[in-house]
Amino acid sequence: MPDIRILLADDHTVVRQGLKSFLNAEPGLKVIGEAEDGREAVRLALELKPDIILLDVGMPVLNGLEATRQICKDNPNARVIILSSYNDDEYIEELTGAGAIGYLLKQTATKDLIAGIHEAHQGHACFSPSISRRMLESCRRAFISGKPVQKAGSELTVRESQVLQLIADGHTNKAMAEQLSISVKTVEKHRQQLMERLRIHDIAGLTRYAISKRPN
């Protein structure tokens, strides 16, 4: 059987190097390319046509969500696995909706990562055990109550959550626009939408809220 060819996309060099060494040491797996931002991931996915793309969410130039959308648009058969530290249901739903076949946490045990890669290569969805349990429990509760499954994070979109995080980190509108590859005007629109959704009436209040919600 030929090796499963893998493209790594993560803006942290140490993370990529560690994953590359680990995966290349596993029989049947081979890392054939590395990308340090989302735009490079899209280019290499088209150029190298890997079997599996391991993609982080929070990357510069083009974030993981947009990179996943573009990769899957260029190649509907692409098998993108999100490998991220974000454990929010909203991210999971948005990214699988964009075409990702799996979502694994960076805290995932190595055996689960290897198993996930093999599952995805066979065309099966793969999720970290904790995510699978949470999804199953959500469906179970919905079935028992007779109510449809509610979409998590319906108040804020992934883009709005990203803007909120960048606000908490102290970025200016211009810096946010550059990092998210959108216009300053669009950033301002997202700020306004955030204030309306959260019922916050000034920028200072939005900044305080963003800081309070920043992950540790």
N, C-alpha and C. Protein backbone atom coordinates (compact mmCIF):
# COMPACT_ATOMS: atom_id res chain seq x y z
N MET A 1 0.84 -1.20 0.00
CA MET A 1 0.00 0.00 0.00
C MET A 1 0.87 1.25 0.00
N PRO A 2 0.57 2.23 -0.85
CA PRO A 2 1.35 3.47 -0.86
C PRO A 2 1.13 4.26 0.42
N ASP A 3 2.11 5.10 0.78
CA ASP A 3 1.98 5.93 1.97
C ASP A 3 0.83 6.92 1.82
N ILE A 4 0.22 7.28 2.96
CA ILE A 4 -0.76 8.38 2.99
C ILE A 4 0.04 9.68 2.98
N ARG A 5 -0.17 10.50 1.97
CA ARG A 5 0.60 11.73 1.79
C ARG A 5 -0.10 12.88 2.50
N ILE A 6 0.65 13.58 3.36
CA ILE A 6 0.05 14.58 4.26
C ILE A 6 0.67 15.96 4.06
N LEU A 7 -0.19 16.97 4.04
CA LEU A 7 0.24 18.36 4.04
C LEU A 7 -0.05 18.95 5.41
N LEU A 8 0.96 19.57 6.05
CA LEU A 8 0.79 20.22 7.35
C LEU A 8 0.64 21.72 7.16
N ALA A 9 -0.34 22.31 7.83
CA ALA A 9 -0.52 23.76 7.75
C ALA A 9 -0.71 24.32 9.16
N ASP A 10 0.33 24.98 9.66
CA ASP A 10 0.31 25.56 11.01
C ASP A 10 1.34 26.67 11.03
N ASP A 11 1.01 27.81 11.65
CA ASP A 11 1.93 28.93 11.63
C ASP A 11 3.04 28.82 12.68
N HIS A 12 2.97 27.79 13.52
CA HIS A 12 4.02 27.59 14.52
C HIS A 12 5.03 26.56 14.02
N THR A 13 6.25 27.02 13.79
CA THR A 13 7.29 26.14 13.24
C THR A 13 7.55 24.94 14.13
N VAL A 14 7.59 25.16 15.43
CA VAL A 14 7.87 24.06 16.36
C VAL A 14 6.78 22.99 16.27
N VAL A 15 5.53 23.41 16.15
CA VAL A 15 4.42 22.46 16.03
C VAL A 15 4.57 21.65 14.75
N ARG A 16 4.86 22.34 13.64
CA ARG A 16 5.01 21.63 12.36
C ARG A 16 6.17 20.63 12.41
N GLN A 17 7.29 21.07 12.97
CA GLN A 17 8.45 20.18 13.03
C GLN A 17 8.16 18.95 13.89
N GLY A 18 7.48 19.17 15.02
CA GLY A 18 7.14 18.05 15.88
C GLY A 18 6.19 17.07 15.21
N LEU A 19 5.16 17.61 14.55
CA LEU A 19 4.22 16.75 13.85
C LEU A 19 4.88 16.01 12.69
N LYS A 20 5.73 16.72 11.98
CA LYS A 20 6.41 16.09 10.84
C LYS A 20 7.27 14.91 11.29
N SER A 21 8.04 15.11 12.35
CA SER A 21 8.90 14.03 12.86
C SER A 21 8.07 12.85 13.33
N PHE A 22 6.98 13.16 14.04
CA PHE A 22 6.12 12.10 14.57
C PHE A 22 5.44 11.32 13.46
N LEU A 23 4.86 12.04 12.49
CA LEU A 23 4.11 11.38 11.42
C LEU A 23 5.02 10.59 10.48
N ASN A 24 6.18 11.16 10.17
CA ASN A 24 7.11 10.45 9.28
C ASN A 24 7.67 9.18 9.91
N ALA A 25 7.64 9.13 11.23
CA ALA A 25 8.13 7.93 11.93
C ALA A 25 7.07 6.83 11.97
N GLU A 26 5.85 7.18 11.60
CA GLU A 26 4.74 6.22 11.62
C GLU A 26 4.67 5.49 10.27
N PRO A 27 4.74 4.17 10.27
CA PRO A 27 4.67 3.42 9.01
C PRO A 27 3.40 3.75 8.22
N GLY A 28 3.57 4.01 6.94
CA GLY A 28 2.42 4.27 6.08
C GLY A 28 2.03 5.73 5.97
N LEU A 29 2.72 6.61 6.69
CA LEU A 29 2.43 8.05 6.63
C LEU A 29 3.65 8.81 6.13
N LYS A 30 3.43 9.87 5.36
CA LYS A 30 4.54 10.68 4.85
C LYS A 30 4.11 12.14 4.69
N VAL A 31 4.81 13.04 5.35
CA VAL A 31 4.56 14.48 5.19
C VAL A 31 5.25 14.95 3.92
N ILE A 32 4.48 15.50 2.98
CA ILE A 32 5.04 15.90 1.69
C ILE A 32 5.12 17.42 1.53
N GLY A 33 4.57 18.17 2.50
CA GLY A 33 4.62 19.61 2.39
C GLY A 33 4.22 20.29 3.69
N GLU A 34 4.68 21.54 3.84
CA GLU A 34 4.37 22.33 5.03
C GLU A 34 3.98 23.74 4.61
N ALA A 35 2.96 24.28 5.29
CA ALA A 35 2.51 25.65 5.03
C ALA A 35 2.45 26.41 6.34
N GLU A 36 2.90 27.68 6.33
CA GLU A 36 2.89 28.47 7.55
C GLU A 36 1.77 29.49 7.60
N ASP A 37 0.96 29.55 6.54
CA ASP A 37 -0.23 30.40 6.56
C ASP A 37 -1.29 29.78 5.66
N GLY A 38 -2.51 30.29 5.77
CA GLY A 38 -3.62 29.71 5.03
C GLY A 38 -3.50 29.80 3.53
N ARG A 39 -2.99 30.91 3.04
CA ARG A 39 -2.87 31.07 1.59
C ARG A 39 -1.89 30.07 1.00
N GLU A 40 -0.78 29.85 1.72
CA GLU A 40 0.19 28.87 1.27
C GLU A 40 -0.40 27.46 1.32
N ALA A 41 -1.24 27.20 2.31
CA ALA A 41 -1.90 25.90 2.41
C ALA A 41 -2.79 25.64 1.20
N VAL A 42 -3.53 26.66 0.78
CA VAL A 42 -4.39 26.53 -0.40
C VAL A 42 -3.55 26.24 -1.64
N ARG A 43 -2.45 26.97 -1.79
CA ARG A 43 -1.58 26.79 -2.96
C ARG A 43 -0.97 25.40 -2.98
N LEU A 44 -0.44 24.96 -1.84
CA LEU A 44 0.22 23.65 -1.80
C LEU A 44 -0.78 22.50 -1.93
N ALA A 45 -1.99 22.69 -1.42
CA ALA A 45 -3.01 21.65 -1.56
C ALA A 45 -3.34 21.43 -3.03
N LEU A 46 -3.38 22.52 -3.80
CA LEU A 46 -3.66 22.42 -5.23
C LEU A 46 -2.47 21.86 -5.99
N GLU A 47 -1.27 22.26 -5.57
CA GLU A 47 -0.05 21.86 -6.26
C GLU A 47 0.36 20.41 -5.96
N LEU A 48 0.31 20.03 -4.68
CA LEU A 48 0.82 18.72 -4.27
C LEU A 48 -0.25 17.63 -4.27
N LYS A 49 -1.53 18.04 -4.19
CA LYS A 49 -2.65 17.10 -4.13
C LYS A 49 -2.43 16.00 -3.07
N PRO A 50 -2.26 16.40 -1.82
CA PRO A 50 -2.04 15.42 -0.75
C PRO A 50 -3.30 14.61 -0.47
N ASP A 51 -3.11 13.47 0.17
CA ASP A 51 -4.27 12.65 0.56
C ASP A 51 -4.99 13.28 1.75
N ILE A 52 -4.21 13.85 2.67
CA ILE A 52 -4.76 14.45 3.89
C ILE A 52 -4.12 15.82 4.11
N ILE A 53 -4.92 16.79 4.53
CA ILE A 53 -4.40 18.11 4.88
C ILE A 53 -4.72 18.35 6.35
N LEU A 54 -3.69 18.43 7.18
CA LEU A 54 -3.85 18.76 8.60
C LEU A 54 -3.74 20.27 8.73
N LEU A 55 -4.81 20.93 9.14
CA LEU A 55 -4.91 22.38 9.06
C LEU A 55 -5.28 23.00 10.40
N ASP A 56 -4.53 24.02 10.80
CA ASP A 56 -4.86 24.76 12.02
C ASP A 56 -5.90 25.82 11.70
N VAL A 57 -6.65 26.27 12.71
CA VAL A 57 -7.69 27.28 12.51
C VAL A 57 -7.09 28.69 12.48
N GLY A 58 -6.30 29.02 13.51
CA GLY A 58 -5.81 30.39 13.67
C GLY A 58 -4.51 30.65 12.95
N MET A 59 -4.57 30.82 11.64
CA MET A 59 -3.36 31.10 10.86
C MET A 59 -3.42 32.50 10.26
N PRO A 60 -2.26 33.10 10.01
CA PRO A 60 -2.22 34.44 9.41
C PRO A 60 -2.52 34.40 7.92
N VAL A 61 -2.68 35.58 7.34
CA VAL A 61 -2.93 35.80 5.90
C VAL A 61 -4.31 35.29 5.50
N LEU A 62 -4.56 34.00 5.73
CA LEU A 62 -5.87 33.41 5.44
C LEU A 62 -6.17 32.42 6.55
N ASN A 63 -7.25 32.63 7.29
CA ASN A 63 -7.52 31.75 8.43
C ASN A 63 -7.96 30.36 7.98
N GLY A 64 -8.00 29.43 8.94
CA GLY A 64 -8.29 28.05 8.62
C GLY A 64 -9.65 27.82 7.99
N LEU A 65 -10.65 28.60 8.41
CA LEU A 65 -11.99 28.45 7.85
C LEU A 65 -12.00 28.79 6.37
N GLU A 66 -11.43 29.95 6.02
CA GLU A 66 -11.40 30.37 4.62
C GLU A 66 -10.52 29.45 3.79
N ALA A 67 -9.40 29.00 4.37
CA ALA A 67 -8.50 28.09 3.66
C ALA A 67 -9.23 26.78 3.36
N THR A 68 -9.98 26.27 4.33
CA THR A 68 -10.74 25.03 4.13
C THR A 68 -11.76 25.21 3.02
N ARG A 69 -12.47 26.32 3.02
CA ARG A 69 -13.47 26.58 1.98
C ARG A 69 -12.83 26.59 0.60
N GLN A 70 -11.69 27.27 0.48
CA GLN A 70 -11.03 27.37 -0.83
C GLN A 70 -10.48 26.03 -1.28
N ILE A 71 -9.86 25.30 -0.35
CA ILE A 71 -9.29 23.99 -0.69
C ILE A 71 -10.40 23.05 -1.17
N CYS A 72 -11.50 23.00 -0.44
CA CYS A 72 -12.59 22.09 -0.79
C CYS A 72 -13.35 22.55 -2.04
N LYS A 73 -13.33 23.85 -2.30
CA LYS A 73 -13.94 24.36 -3.52
C LYS A 73 -13.10 23.96 -4.73
N ASP A 74 -11.77 24.08 -4.60
CA ASP A 74 -10.87 23.69 -5.69
C ASP A 74 -10.87 22.18 -5.91
N ASN A 75 -11.04 21.43 -4.82
CA ASN A 75 -11.02 19.97 -4.90
C ASN A 75 -12.04 19.40 -3.92
N PRO A 76 -13.26 19.12 -4.39
CA PRO A 76 -14.31 18.60 -3.50
C PRO A 76 -13.94 17.29 -2.81
N ASN A 77 -12.95 16.58 -3.35
CA ASN A 77 -12.54 15.31 -2.74
C ASN A 77 -11.43 15.49 -1.70
N ALA A 78 -11.00 16.73 -1.48
CA ALA A 78 -9.93 16.99 -0.51
C ALA A 78 -10.38 16.56 0.89
N ARG A 79 -9.46 15.96 1.62
CA ARG A 79 -9.78 15.49 2.97
C ARG A 79 -9.01 16.34 3.98
N VAL A 80 -9.70 17.37 4.46
CA VAL A 80 -9.12 18.32 5.40
C VAL A 80 -9.47 17.91 6.82
N ILE A 81 -8.44 17.75 7.65
CA ILE A 81 -8.65 17.51 9.07
C ILE A 81 -8.19 18.75 9.83
N ILE A 82 -9.07 19.34 10.60
CA ILE A 82 -8.70 20.49 11.42
C ILE A 82 -7.99 19.98 12.67
N LEU A 83 -6.82 20.52 12.92
CA LEU A 83 -6.06 20.18 14.12
C LEU A 83 -5.88 21.48 14.90
N SER A 84 -6.66 21.65 15.95
CA SER A 84 -6.73 22.96 16.60
C SER A 84 -6.84 22.83 18.11
N SER A 85 -6.52 23.93 18.79
CA SER A 85 -6.70 23.99 20.25
C SER A 85 -8.09 24.53 20.59
N TYR A 86 -8.81 25.06 19.59
CA TYR A 86 -10.17 25.58 19.82
C TYR A 86 -11.15 24.41 19.95
N ASN A 87 -11.94 24.43 21.02
CA ASN A 87 -12.85 23.32 21.30
C ASN A 87 -14.31 23.76 21.27
N ASP A 88 -14.58 24.92 20.64
CA ASP A 88 -15.94 25.44 20.61
C ASP A 88 -16.76 24.74 19.54
N ASP A 89 -18.03 24.44 19.87
CA ASP A 89 -18.90 23.77 18.90
C ASP A 89 -19.09 24.62 17.65
N GLU A 90 -19.06 25.94 17.82
CA GLU A 90 -19.26 26.82 16.67
C GLU A 90 -18.17 26.61 15.63
N TYR A 91 -16.92 26.56 16.09
CA TYR A 91 -15.81 26.33 15.16
C TYR A 91 -15.97 25.00 14.45
N ILE A 92 -16.33 23.99 15.21
CA ILE A 92 -16.47 22.64 14.65
C ILE A 92 -17.55 22.62 13.57
N GLU A 93 -18.70 23.23 13.86
CA GLU A 93 -19.80 23.24 12.91
C GLU A 93 -19.47 24.05 11.66
N GLU A 94 -18.85 25.21 11.85
CA GLU A 94 -18.51 26.06 10.72
C GLU A 94 -17.49 25.37 9.80
N LEU A 95 -16.48 24.74 10.41
CA LEU A 95 -15.41 24.13 9.62
C LEU A 95 -15.86 22.85 8.93
N THR A 96 -16.66 22.04 9.59
CA THR A 96 -17.19 20.86 8.91
C THR A 96 -18.16 21.29 7.82
N GLY A 97 -18.88 22.38 8.07
CA GLY A 97 -19.77 22.93 7.04
C GLY A 97 -19.00 23.44 5.84
N ALA A 98 -17.77 23.88 6.06
CA ALA A 98 -16.92 24.38 4.98
C ALA A 98 -16.27 23.25 4.19
N GLY A 99 -16.39 22.01 4.70
CA GLY A 99 -15.85 20.88 3.95
C GLY A 99 -14.86 20.00 4.68
N ALA A 100 -14.46 20.39 5.91
CA ALA A 100 -13.51 19.57 6.66
C ALA A 100 -14.14 18.22 6.99
N ILE A 101 -13.35 17.15 6.87
CA ILE A 101 -13.86 15.81 7.13
C ILE A 101 -13.69 15.42 8.60
N GLY A 102 -12.86 16.18 9.32
CA GLY A 102 -12.63 15.86 10.71
C GLY A 102 -12.16 17.05 11.52
N TYR A 103 -12.22 16.92 12.83
CA TYR A 103 -11.79 17.98 13.74
C TYR A 103 -11.14 17.31 14.94
N LEU A 104 -9.83 17.47 15.06
CA LEU A 104 -9.07 16.87 16.16
C LEU A 104 -8.43 17.97 16.99
N LEU A 105 -8.48 17.82 18.29
CA LEU A 105 -7.85 18.78 19.18
C LEU A 105 -6.35 18.52 19.26
N LYS A 106 -5.58 19.58 19.45
CA LYS A 106 -4.14 19.42 19.56
C LYS A 106 -3.76 18.63 20.81
N GLN A 107 -4.68 18.57 21.76
CA GLN A 107 -4.43 17.78 22.97
C GLN A 107 -4.76 16.30 22.75
N THR A 108 -5.23 15.98 21.54
CA THR A 108 -5.61 14.60 21.23
C THR A 108 -4.43 13.65 21.41
N ALA A 109 -4.71 12.45 21.93
CA ALA A 109 -3.66 11.43 22.07
C ALA A 109 -3.14 11.05 20.70
N THR A 110 -1.86 10.71 20.64
CA THR A 110 -1.24 10.39 19.35
C THR A 110 -1.94 9.24 18.64
N LYS A 111 -2.42 8.28 19.39
CA LYS A 111 -3.11 7.13 18.77
C LYS A 111 -4.40 7.58 18.09
N ASP A 112 -5.07 8.59 18.68
CA ASP A 112 -6.30 9.10 18.08
C ASP A 112 -6.01 9.91 16.83
N LEU A 113 -4.88 10.61 16.81
CA LEU A 113 -4.48 11.36 15.63
C LEU A 113 -4.19 10.41 14.47
N ILE A 114 -3.44 9.37 14.74
CA ILE A 114 -3.13 8.38 13.70
C ILE A 114 -4.40 7.70 13.20
N ALA A 115 -5.26 7.32 14.15
CA ALA A 115 -6.52 6.67 13.78
C ALA A 115 -7.38 7.61 12.95
N GLY A 116 -7.40 8.90 13.32
CA GLY A 116 -8.18 9.89 12.58
C GLY A 116 -7.70 10.05 11.15
N ILE A 117 -6.40 10.07 10.96
CA ILE A 117 -5.83 10.19 9.61
C ILE A 117 -6.24 9.01 8.75
N HIS A 118 -6.17 7.81 9.31
CA HIS A 118 -6.56 6.61 8.55
C HIS A 118 -8.06 6.60 8.26
N GLU A 119 -8.87 7.05 9.22
CA GLU A 119 -10.31 7.13 9.00
C GLU A 119 -10.64 8.10 7.87
N ALA A 120 -10.02 9.28 7.94
CA ALA A 120 -10.26 10.30 6.91
C ALA A 120 -9.80 9.82 5.54
N HIS A 121 -8.69 9.11 5.51
CA HIS A 121 -8.18 8.60 4.23
C HIS A 121 -9.16 7.63 3.58
N GLN A 122 -9.94 6.95 4.42
CA GLN A 122 -10.96 6.03 3.90
C GLN A 122 -12.29 6.73 3.61
N GLY A 123 -12.30 8.05 3.84
CA GLY A 123 -13.51 8.81 3.56
C GLY A 123 -14.47 8.92 4.71
N HIS A 124 -14.02 8.55 5.93
CA HIS A 124 -14.88 8.60 7.10
C HIS A 124 -14.61 9.86 7.92
N ALA A 125 -15.63 10.39 8.56
CA ALA A 125 -15.45 11.54 9.44
C ALA A 125 -14.64 11.14 10.66
N CYS A 126 -13.87 12.08 11.19
CA CYS A 126 -13.08 11.78 12.39
C CYS A 126 -13.10 12.99 13.34
N PHE A 127 -13.34 12.71 14.61
CA PHE A 127 -13.38 13.75 15.63
C PHE A 127 -12.66 13.24 16.88
N SER A 128 -12.12 14.17 17.65
CA SER A 128 -11.54 13.79 18.93
C SER A 128 -12.63 13.14 19.78
N PRO A 129 -12.27 12.16 20.60
CA PRO A 129 -13.28 11.47 21.42
C PRO A 129 -14.16 12.42 22.23
N SER A 130 -13.58 13.47 22.81
CA SER A 130 -14.37 14.39 23.62
C SER A 130 -15.41 15.12 22.78
N ILE A 131 -15.07 15.44 21.54
CA ILE A 131 -16.02 16.12 20.64
C ILE A 131 -17.11 15.16 20.22
N SER A 132 -16.74 13.93 19.89
CA SER A 132 -17.73 12.92 19.50
C SER A 132 -18.74 12.69 20.62
N ARG A 133 -18.24 12.59 21.86
CA ARG A 133 -19.14 12.37 22.99
C ARG A 133 -20.11 13.54 23.15
N ARG A 134 -19.58 14.76 22.99
CA ARG A 134 -20.42 15.94 23.16
C ARG A 134 -21.50 16.01 22.07
N MET A 135 -21.12 15.70 20.84
CA MET A 135 -22.08 15.72 19.73
C MET A 135 -23.16 14.66 19.94
N LEU A 136 -22.73 13.47 20.38
CA LEU A 136 -23.68 12.39 20.62
C LEU A 136 -24.64 12.75 21.74
N GLU A 137 -24.12 13.34 22.81
CA GLU A 137 -24.97 13.73 23.94
C GLU A 137 -25.97 14.80 23.53
N SER A 138 -25.53 15.73 22.68
CA SER A 138 -26.41 16.79 22.20
C SER A 138 -27.56 16.21 21.39
N CYS A 139 -27.23 15.25 20.52
CA CYS A 139 -28.27 14.60 19.71
C CYS A 139 -29.21 13.78 20.60
N ARG A 140 -28.65 13.11 21.61
CA ARG A 140 -29.46 12.29 22.51
C ARG A 140 -30.46 13.16 23.28
N ARG A 141 -29.98 14.31 23.79
CA ARG A 141 -30.87 15.21 24.54
C ARG A 141 -31.98 15.74 23.63
N ALA A 142 -31.60 16.06 22.39
CA ALA A 142 -32.58 16.59 21.45
C ALA A 142 -33.65 15.53 21.14
N PHE A 143 -33.21 14.29 21.01
CA PHE A 143 -34.14 13.19 20.72
C PHE A 143 -35.11 12.98 21.88
N ILE A 144 -34.58 12.99 23.09
CA ILE A 144 -35.41 12.77 24.28
C ILE A 144 -36.43 13.89 24.46
N SER A 145 -35.98 15.13 24.21
CA SER A 145 -36.86 16.28 24.40
C SER A 145 -37.81 16.50 23.23
N GLY A 146 -37.50 15.86 22.10
CA GLY A 146 -38.33 16.03 20.92
C GLY A 146 -38.08 17.34 20.20
N LYS A 147 -36.96 18.00 20.54
CA LYS A 147 -36.63 19.28 19.92
C LYS A 147 -35.49 19.09 18.93
N PRO A 148 -35.45 19.92 17.88
CA PRO A 148 -34.33 19.81 16.93
C PRO A 148 -33.03 20.21 17.60
N VAL A 149 -31.93 19.66 17.09
CA VAL A 149 -30.61 20.01 17.62
C VAL A 149 -30.34 21.47 17.34
N GLN A 150 -30.01 22.22 18.39
CA GLN A 150 -29.72 23.64 18.24
C GLN A 150 -28.30 23.83 17.77
N LYS A 151 -28.11 24.72 16.85
CA LYS A 151 -26.76 25.03 16.38
C LYS A 151 -26.03 25.85 17.43
N ALA A 152 -24.89 25.31 17.89
CA ALA A 152 -24.12 26.01 18.92
C ALA A 152 -23.55 27.30 18.36
N GLY A 153 -23.40 28.30 19.25
CA GLY A 153 -22.76 29.54 18.83
C GLY A 153 -23.57 30.32 17.82
N SER A 154 -24.90 30.19 17.88
CA SER A 154 -25.73 30.85 16.87
C SER A 154 -25.70 32.37 17.01
N GLU A 155 -25.29 32.86 18.16
CA GLU A 155 -25.26 34.30 18.36
C GLU A 155 -24.13 34.96 17.59
N LEU A 156 -22.96 34.32 17.59
CA LEU A 156 -21.81 34.90 16.90
C LEU A 156 -21.32 33.96 15.81
N THR A 157 -20.97 34.54 14.66
CA THR A 157 -20.38 33.74 13.60
C THR A 157 -18.90 33.52 13.92
N VAL A 158 -18.25 32.62 13.19
CA VAL A 158 -16.82 32.39 13.39
C VAL A 158 -16.04 33.68 13.14
N ARG A 159 -16.42 34.42 12.10
CA ARG A 159 -15.71 35.67 11.79
C ARG A 159 -15.87 36.66 12.94
N GLU A 160 -17.07 36.79 13.47
CA GLU A 160 -17.29 37.70 14.59
C GLU A 160 -16.49 37.27 15.81
N SER A 161 -16.41 35.96 16.04
CA SER A 161 -15.61 35.45 17.16
C SER A 161 -14.13 35.77 16.96
N GLN A 162 -13.67 35.69 15.71
CA GLN A 162 -12.27 36.01 15.42
C GLN A 162 -12.01 37.49 15.68
N VAL A 163 -12.93 38.34 15.24
CA VAL A 163 -12.78 39.78 15.46
C VAL A 163 -12.78 40.07 16.96
N LEU A 164 -13.67 39.40 17.69
CA LEU A 164 -13.74 39.60 19.14
C LEU A 164 -12.42 39.22 19.81
N GLN A 165 -11.83 38.11 19.37
CA GLN A 165 -10.54 37.68 19.92
C GLN A 165 -9.45 38.70 19.62
N LEU A 166 -9.44 39.23 18.41
CA LEU A 166 -8.42 40.21 18.04
C LEU A 166 -8.61 41.52 18.79
N ILE A 167 -9.86 41.88 19.06
CA ILE A 167 -10.13 43.07 19.88
C ILE A 167 -9.53 42.88 21.27
N ALA A 168 -9.75 41.68 21.83
CA ALA A 168 -9.21 41.37 23.16
C ALA A 168 -7.69 41.44 23.17
N ASP A 169 -7.08 41.09 22.04
CA ASP A 169 -5.62 41.11 21.94
C ASP A 169 -5.06 42.50 21.66
N GLY A 170 -5.97 43.48 21.51
CA GLY A 170 -5.53 44.86 21.35
C GLY A 170 -5.20 45.30 19.94
N HIS A 171 -5.66 44.56 18.93
CA HIS A 171 -5.36 44.91 17.54
C HIS A 171 -6.21 46.10 17.07
N THR A 172 -5.65 46.92 16.21
CA THR A 172 -6.39 48.01 15.59
C THR A 172 -7.24 47.44 14.45
N ASN A 173 -8.17 48.26 13.94
CA ASN A 173 -8.99 47.83 12.81
C ASN A 173 -8.11 47.46 11.62
N LYS A 174 -7.09 48.25 11.37
CA LYS A 174 -6.20 47.99 10.23
C LYS A 174 -5.47 46.67 10.41
N ALA A 175 -4.97 46.42 11.62
CA ALA A 175 -4.24 45.17 11.89
C ALA A 175 -5.17 43.97 11.75
N MET A 176 -6.41 44.12 12.22
CA MET A 176 -7.37 43.03 12.10
C MET A 176 -7.69 42.75 10.63
N ALA A 177 -7.85 43.82 9.86
CA ALA A 177 -8.15 43.67 8.44
C ALA A 177 -7.04 42.91 7.72
N GLU A 178 -5.80 43.24 8.05
CA GLU A 178 -4.66 42.56 7.42
C GLU A 178 -4.60 41.09 7.82
N GLN A 179 -4.82 40.81 9.09
CA GLN A 179 -4.72 39.43 9.57
C GLN A 179 -5.84 38.55 9.03
N LEU A 180 -7.03 39.12 8.87
CA LEU A 180 -8.18 38.35 8.41
C LEU A 180 -8.39 38.43 6.90
N SER A 181 -7.55 39.21 6.23
CA SER A 181 -7.64 39.38 4.76
C SER A 181 -9.00 39.95 4.35
N ILE A 182 -9.45 40.96 5.08
CA ILE A 182 -10.68 41.66 4.75
C ILE A 182 -10.40 43.16 4.82
N SER A 183 -11.35 43.98 4.41
CA SER A 183 -11.15 45.42 4.42
C SER A 183 -11.41 46.00 5.81
N VAL A 184 -10.86 47.20 6.04
CA VAL A 184 -11.09 47.90 7.30
C VAL A 184 -12.59 48.16 7.48
N LYS A 185 -13.25 48.48 6.38
CA LYS A 185 -14.69 48.74 6.42
C LYS A 185 -15.46 47.50 6.89
N THR A 186 -15.02 46.32 6.45
CA THR A 186 -15.67 45.08 6.87
C THR A 186 -15.43 44.82 8.35
N VAL A 187 -14.22 45.12 8.82
CA VAL A 187 -13.92 44.98 10.25
C VAL A 187 -14.86 45.87 11.06
N GLU A 188 -15.02 47.10 10.62
CA GLU A 188 -15.90 48.04 11.32
C GLU A 188 -17.35 47.53 11.35
N LYS A 189 -17.75 46.89 10.23
CA LYS A 189 -19.10 46.32 10.16
C LYS A 189 -19.25 45.19 11.17
N HIS A 190 -18.22 44.34 11.28
CA HIS A 190 -18.26 43.25 12.25
C HIS A 190 -18.31 43.79 13.68
N ARG A 191 -17.56 44.86 13.95
CA ARG A 191 -17.59 45.49 15.28
C ARG A 191 -19.02 45.94 15.61
N GLN A 192 -19.65 46.59 14.65
CA GLN A 192 -20.99 47.10 14.86
C GLN A 192 -21.98 45.96 15.08
N GLN A 193 -21.84 44.89 14.30
CA GLN A 193 -22.72 43.73 14.46
C GLN A 193 -22.54 43.08 15.82
N LEU A 194 -21.28 43.03 16.27
CA LEU A 194 -20.99 42.47 17.59
C LEU A 194 -21.69 43.28 18.68
N MET A 195 -21.59 44.58 18.58
CA MET A 195 -22.22 45.45 19.58
C MET A 195 -23.73 45.27 19.58
N GLU A 196 -24.32 45.11 18.39
CA GLU A 196 -25.77 44.94 18.31
C GLU A 196 -26.19 43.59 18.88
N ARG A 197 -25.45 42.52 18.52
CA ARG A 197 -25.79 41.18 18.98
C ARG A 197 -25.64 41.06 20.50
N LEU A 198 -24.56 41.71 21.02
CA LEU A 198 -24.25 41.59 22.45
C LEU A 198 -24.91 42.68 23.29
N ARG A 199 -25.59 43.59 22.60
CA ARG A 199 -26.28 44.70 23.26
C ARG A 199 -25.29 45.54 24.07
N ILE A 200 -24.17 45.84 23.45
CA ILE A 200 -23.14 46.70 24.04
C ILE A 200 -23.15 48.01 23.26
N HIS A 201 -23.06 49.11 23.97
CA HIS A 201 -23.33 50.39 23.32
C HIS A 201 -22.10 51.24 23.02
N ASP A 202 -20.92 50.79 23.41
CA ASP A 202 -19.72 51.57 23.08
C ASP A 202 -18.52 50.64 22.91
N ILE A 203 -17.48 51.16 22.25
CA ILE A 203 -16.28 50.36 21.94
C ILE A 203 -15.58 49.90 23.22
N ALA A 204 -15.56 50.77 24.23
CA ALA A 204 -14.89 50.41 25.49
C ALA A 204 -15.57 49.20 26.13
N GLY A 205 -16.92 49.19 26.08
CA GLY A 205 -17.66 48.06 26.63
C GLY A 205 -17.40 46.78 25.85
N LEU A 206 -17.31 46.92 24.53
CA LEU A 206 -17.02 45.76 23.69
C LEU A 206 -15.63 45.21 23.98
N THR A 207 -14.68 46.10 24.19
CA THR A 207 -13.31 45.68 24.51
C THR A 207 -13.26 44.95 25.84
N ARG A 208 -13.97 45.47 26.83
CA ARG A 208 -14.01 44.80 28.14
C ARG A 208 -14.63 43.41 28.02
N TYR A 209 -15.71 43.32 27.23
CA TYR A 209 -16.38 42.03 27.04
C TYR A 209 -15.42 41.06 26.35
N ALA A 210 -14.73 41.53 25.30
CA ALA A 210 -13.81 40.68 24.55
C ALA A 210 -12.71 40.12 25.46
N ILE A 211 -12.17 40.98 26.31
CA ILE A 211 -11.10 40.55 27.23
C ILE A 211 -11.63 39.51 28.22
N SER A 212 -12.86 39.71 28.68
CA SER A 212 -13.45 38.77 29.65
C SER A 212 -13.70 37.40 29.05
N LYS A 213 -13.89 37.35 27.71
CA LYS A 213 -14.18 36.09 27.04
C LYS A 213 -12.96 35.46 26.40
N ARG A 214 -11.80 36.11 26.53
CA ARG A 214 -10.59 35.60 25.89
C ARG A 214 -10.21 34.27 26.54
N PRO A 215 -9.90 33.21 25.71
CA PRO A 215 -9.50 31.93 26.29
C PRO A 215 -8.21 32.06 27.07
N ASN A 216 -8.07 31.30 28.15
CA ASN A 216 -6.86 31.33 28.96
C ASN A 216 -5.74 30.59 28.25
